[in-house]
Amino acid sequence: MGALALVAAAIVFGLGALGAGIGNGLIVGRALEGISRQPELRGTLQTTMFIGVGLVEAMPVVALVLAFILMGQA
């Protein structure tokens, strides 16, 4: 069971990081698109973008904690 728990931990953390990378790319891309269309809303869009990026970055932290829990069972 120990080796499977380590593989599961690696998969959990890897997919969490992959999902966060994709999510951050989408958020920043859409924010830049919005800023280019309406430059006067830059401050509002930038603030919203940073909040969104912060929320998306919580996912790899949760995945890391879950990976450590799985590694503790190994």
N, C-alpha and C. Protein backbone atom coordinates (compact mmCIF):
# COMPACT_ATOMS: atom_id res chain seq x y z
N MET A 1 0.82 -1.21 0.00
CA MET A 1 0.00 0.00 0.00
C MET A 1 0.86 1.26 0.00
N GLY A 2 2.09 1.17 0.52
CA GLY A 2 2.94 2.34 0.64
C GLY A 2 3.30 2.98 -0.68
N ALA A 3 3.67 2.15 -1.65
CA ALA A 3 4.07 2.68 -2.96
C ALA A 3 2.88 3.31 -3.68
N LEU A 4 1.71 2.71 -3.52
CA LEU A 4 0.52 3.27 -4.16
C LEU A 4 0.13 4.62 -3.56
N ALA A 5 0.34 4.77 -2.27
CA ALA A 5 0.05 6.05 -1.62
C ALA A 5 0.98 7.14 -2.14
N LEU A 6 2.24 6.80 -2.38
CA LEU A 6 3.18 7.79 -2.91
C LEU A 6 2.84 8.17 -4.34
N VAL A 7 2.43 7.20 -5.13
CA VAL A 7 2.01 7.49 -6.51
C VAL A 7 0.75 8.36 -6.50
N ALA A 8 -0.17 8.04 -5.61
CA ALA A 8 -1.39 8.84 -5.49
C ALA A 8 -1.07 10.27 -5.07
N ALA A 9 -0.13 10.44 -4.16
CA ALA A 9 0.27 11.78 -3.72
C ALA A 9 0.87 12.57 -4.88
N ALA A 10 1.69 11.92 -5.68
CA ALA A 10 2.30 12.60 -6.82
C ALA A 10 1.25 13.00 -7.85
N ILE A 11 0.29 12.12 -8.08
CA ILE A 11 -0.77 12.43 -9.04
C ILE A 11 -1.63 13.57 -8.54
N VAL A 12 -1.99 13.54 -7.26
CA VAL A 12 -2.83 14.60 -6.68
C VAL A 12 -2.15 15.96 -6.80
N PHE A 13 -0.88 16.02 -6.42
CA PHE A 13 -0.19 17.30 -6.47
C PHE A 13 0.05 17.76 -7.91
N GLY A 14 0.38 16.84 -8.78
CA GLY A 14 0.61 17.19 -10.18
C GLY A 14 -0.63 17.73 -10.85
N LEU A 15 -1.76 17.08 -10.64
CA LEU A 15 -3.01 17.55 -11.25
C LEU A 15 -3.47 18.87 -10.62
N GLY A 16 -3.22 19.04 -9.33
CA GLY A 16 -3.57 20.31 -8.69
C GLY A 16 -2.76 21.46 -9.26
N ALA A 17 -1.48 21.24 -9.48
CA ALA A 17 -0.63 22.27 -10.06
C ALA A 17 -1.00 22.54 -11.52
N LEU A 18 -1.32 21.49 -12.26
CA LEU A 18 -1.72 21.66 -13.65
C LEU A 18 -3.02 22.46 -13.76
N GLY A 19 -3.98 22.13 -12.92
CA GLY A 19 -5.24 22.86 -12.92
C GLY A 19 -5.07 24.33 -12.56
N ALA A 20 -4.20 24.59 -11.59
CA ALA A 20 -3.96 25.99 -11.20
C ALA A 20 -3.27 26.75 -12.33
N GLY A 21 -2.35 26.11 -13.01
CA GLY A 21 -1.68 26.77 -14.13
C GLY A 21 -2.64 27.12 -15.25
N ILE A 22 -3.51 26.20 -15.58
CA ILE A 22 -4.51 26.47 -16.62
C ILE A 22 -5.46 27.56 -16.17
N GLY A 23 -5.92 27.48 -14.93
CA GLY A 23 -6.84 28.49 -14.41
C GLY A 23 -6.23 29.88 -14.38
N ASN A 24 -4.98 29.97 -13.94
CA ASN A 24 -4.31 31.27 -13.91
C ASN A 24 -4.14 31.84 -15.31
N GLY A 25 -3.80 30.98 -16.25
CA GLY A 25 -3.66 31.44 -17.64
C GLY A 25 -4.96 31.99 -18.18
N LEU A 26 -6.06 31.31 -17.90
CA LEU A 26 -7.36 31.79 -18.37
C LEU A 26 -7.74 33.11 -17.71
N ILE A 27 -7.52 33.21 -16.41
CA ILE A 27 -7.89 34.44 -15.69
C ILE A 27 -7.09 35.63 -16.20
N VAL A 28 -5.77 35.47 -16.29
CA VAL A 28 -4.93 36.58 -16.72
C VAL A 28 -5.21 36.94 -18.18
N GLY A 29 -5.42 35.94 -19.01
CA GLY A 29 -5.72 36.20 -20.42
C GLY A 29 -7.01 36.99 -20.59
N ARG A 30 -8.05 36.59 -19.86
CA ARG A 30 -9.32 37.30 -19.96
C ARG A 30 -9.22 38.71 -19.38
N ALA A 31 -8.44 38.86 -18.32
CA ALA A 31 -8.27 40.20 -17.75
C ALA A 31 -7.54 41.12 -18.73
N LEU A 32 -6.51 40.61 -19.37
CA LEU A 32 -5.80 41.42 -20.36
C LEU A 32 -6.70 41.76 -21.55
N GLU A 33 -7.53 40.82 -21.92
CA GLU A 33 -8.49 41.06 -23.00
C GLU A 33 -9.46 42.17 -22.62
N GLY A 34 -9.95 42.12 -21.38
CA GLY A 34 -10.86 43.15 -20.91
C GLY A 34 -10.20 44.52 -20.80
N ILE A 35 -8.95 44.53 -20.35
CA ILE A 35 -8.22 45.81 -20.24
C ILE A 35 -7.96 46.39 -21.61
N SER A 36 -7.67 45.53 -22.59
CA SER A 36 -7.42 46.06 -23.93
C SER A 36 -8.71 46.61 -24.56
N ARG A 37 -9.84 46.07 -24.19
CA ARG A 37 -11.10 46.57 -24.74
C ARG A 37 -11.58 47.84 -24.04
N GLN A 38 -11.37 47.89 -22.70
CA GLN A 38 -11.80 49.07 -21.94
C GLN A 38 -10.69 49.46 -20.97
N PRO A 39 -9.73 50.24 -21.44
CA PRO A 39 -8.58 50.59 -20.60
C PRO A 39 -8.96 51.38 -19.34
N GLU A 40 -10.09 52.06 -19.36
CA GLU A 40 -10.48 52.85 -18.18
C GLU A 40 -10.88 51.96 -17.00
N LEU A 41 -11.16 50.69 -17.23
CA LEU A 41 -11.52 49.76 -16.16
C LEU A 41 -10.34 48.94 -15.66
N ARG A 42 -9.14 49.41 -15.97
CA ARG A 42 -7.95 48.64 -15.63
C ARG A 42 -7.86 48.32 -14.14
N GLY A 43 -8.07 49.30 -13.29
CA GLY A 43 -7.95 49.08 -11.85
C GLY A 43 -8.93 48.05 -11.33
N THR A 44 -10.18 48.15 -11.76
CA THR A 44 -11.20 47.20 -11.33
C THR A 44 -10.90 45.80 -11.84
N LEU A 45 -10.54 45.71 -13.10
CA LEU A 45 -10.25 44.39 -13.67
C LEU A 45 -9.01 43.76 -13.04
N GLN A 46 -8.02 44.60 -12.76
CA GLN A 46 -6.79 44.08 -12.16
C GLN A 46 -7.05 43.57 -10.74
N THR A 47 -7.86 44.30 -9.99
CA THR A 47 -8.20 43.86 -8.64
C THR A 47 -8.95 42.54 -8.68
N THR A 48 -9.92 42.45 -9.57
CA THR A 48 -10.69 41.22 -9.70
C THR A 48 -9.79 40.07 -10.15
N MET A 49 -8.84 40.36 -11.04
CA MET A 49 -7.93 39.33 -11.51
C MET A 49 -7.08 38.80 -10.35
N PHE A 50 -6.56 39.70 -9.50
CA PHE A 50 -5.73 39.26 -8.39
C PHE A 50 -6.52 38.42 -7.39
N ILE A 51 -7.77 38.77 -7.16
CA ILE A 51 -8.61 37.98 -6.27
C ILE A 51 -8.83 36.59 -6.87
N GLY A 52 -9.12 36.54 -8.17
CA GLY A 52 -9.32 35.26 -8.84
C GLY A 52 -8.08 34.40 -8.82
N VAL A 53 -6.92 35.00 -9.07
CA VAL A 53 -5.67 34.24 -9.05
C VAL A 53 -5.41 33.71 -7.64
N GLY A 54 -5.70 34.52 -6.63
CA GLY A 54 -5.52 34.06 -5.25
C GLY A 54 -6.41 32.87 -4.92
N LEU A 55 -7.65 32.91 -5.40
CA LEU A 55 -8.56 31.79 -5.15
C LEU A 55 -8.11 30.53 -5.89
N VAL A 56 -7.62 30.72 -7.11
CA VAL A 56 -7.17 29.56 -7.89
C VAL A 56 -5.91 28.97 -7.26
N GLU A 57 -5.04 29.80 -6.70
CA GLU A 57 -3.81 29.31 -6.09
C GLU A 57 -4.06 28.55 -4.80
N ALA A 58 -5.27 28.62 -4.27
CA ALA A 58 -5.59 27.83 -3.08
C ALA A 58 -5.67 26.35 -3.43
N MET A 59 -5.99 26.03 -4.68
CA MET A 59 -6.14 24.64 -5.08
C MET A 59 -4.84 23.85 -4.94
N PRO A 60 -3.68 24.34 -5.42
CA PRO A 60 -2.46 23.55 -5.22
C PRO A 60 -2.07 23.42 -3.75
N VAL A 61 -2.44 24.39 -2.93
CA VAL A 61 -2.12 24.29 -1.50
C VAL A 61 -2.94 23.15 -0.88
N VAL A 62 -4.21 23.07 -1.25
CA VAL A 62 -5.05 21.97 -0.77
C VAL A 62 -4.51 20.64 -1.29
N ALA A 63 -4.09 20.62 -2.56
CA ALA A 63 -3.53 19.40 -3.14
C ALA A 63 -2.24 19.00 -2.43
N LEU A 64 -1.43 19.97 -2.05
CA LEU A 64 -0.20 19.68 -1.33
C LEU A 64 -0.49 19.07 0.03
N VAL A 65 -1.46 19.62 0.73
CA VAL A 65 -1.84 19.07 2.04
C VAL A 65 -2.36 17.64 1.87
N LEU A 66 -3.19 17.43 0.87
CA LEU A 66 -3.71 16.09 0.61
C LEU A 66 -2.57 15.13 0.25
N ALA A 67 -1.61 15.60 -0.52
CA ALA A 67 -0.46 14.75 -0.87
C ALA A 67 0.34 14.38 0.38
N PHE A 68 0.53 15.34 1.29
CA PHE A 68 1.25 15.02 2.53
C PHE A 68 0.47 14.03 3.37
N ILE A 69 -0.85 14.15 3.40
CA ILE A 69 -1.65 13.19 4.14
C ILE A 69 -1.49 11.79 3.53
N LEU A 70 -1.53 11.72 2.21
CA LEU A 70 -1.36 10.42 1.55
C LEU A 70 0.04 9.86 1.79
N MET A 71 1.05 10.73 1.81
CA MET A 71 2.42 10.26 2.05
C MET A 71 2.58 9.79 3.49
N GLY A 72 1.82 10.38 4.40
CA GLY A 72 1.88 9.94 5.80
C GLY A 72 1.30 8.55 5.98
N GLN A 73 0.44 8.13 5.06
CA GLN A 73 -0.14 6.79 5.15
C GLN A 73 0.76 5.74 4.52
N ALA A 74 1.82 6.19 3.84
CA ALA A 74 2.70 5.24 3.16
C ALA A 74 3.54 4.45 4.13
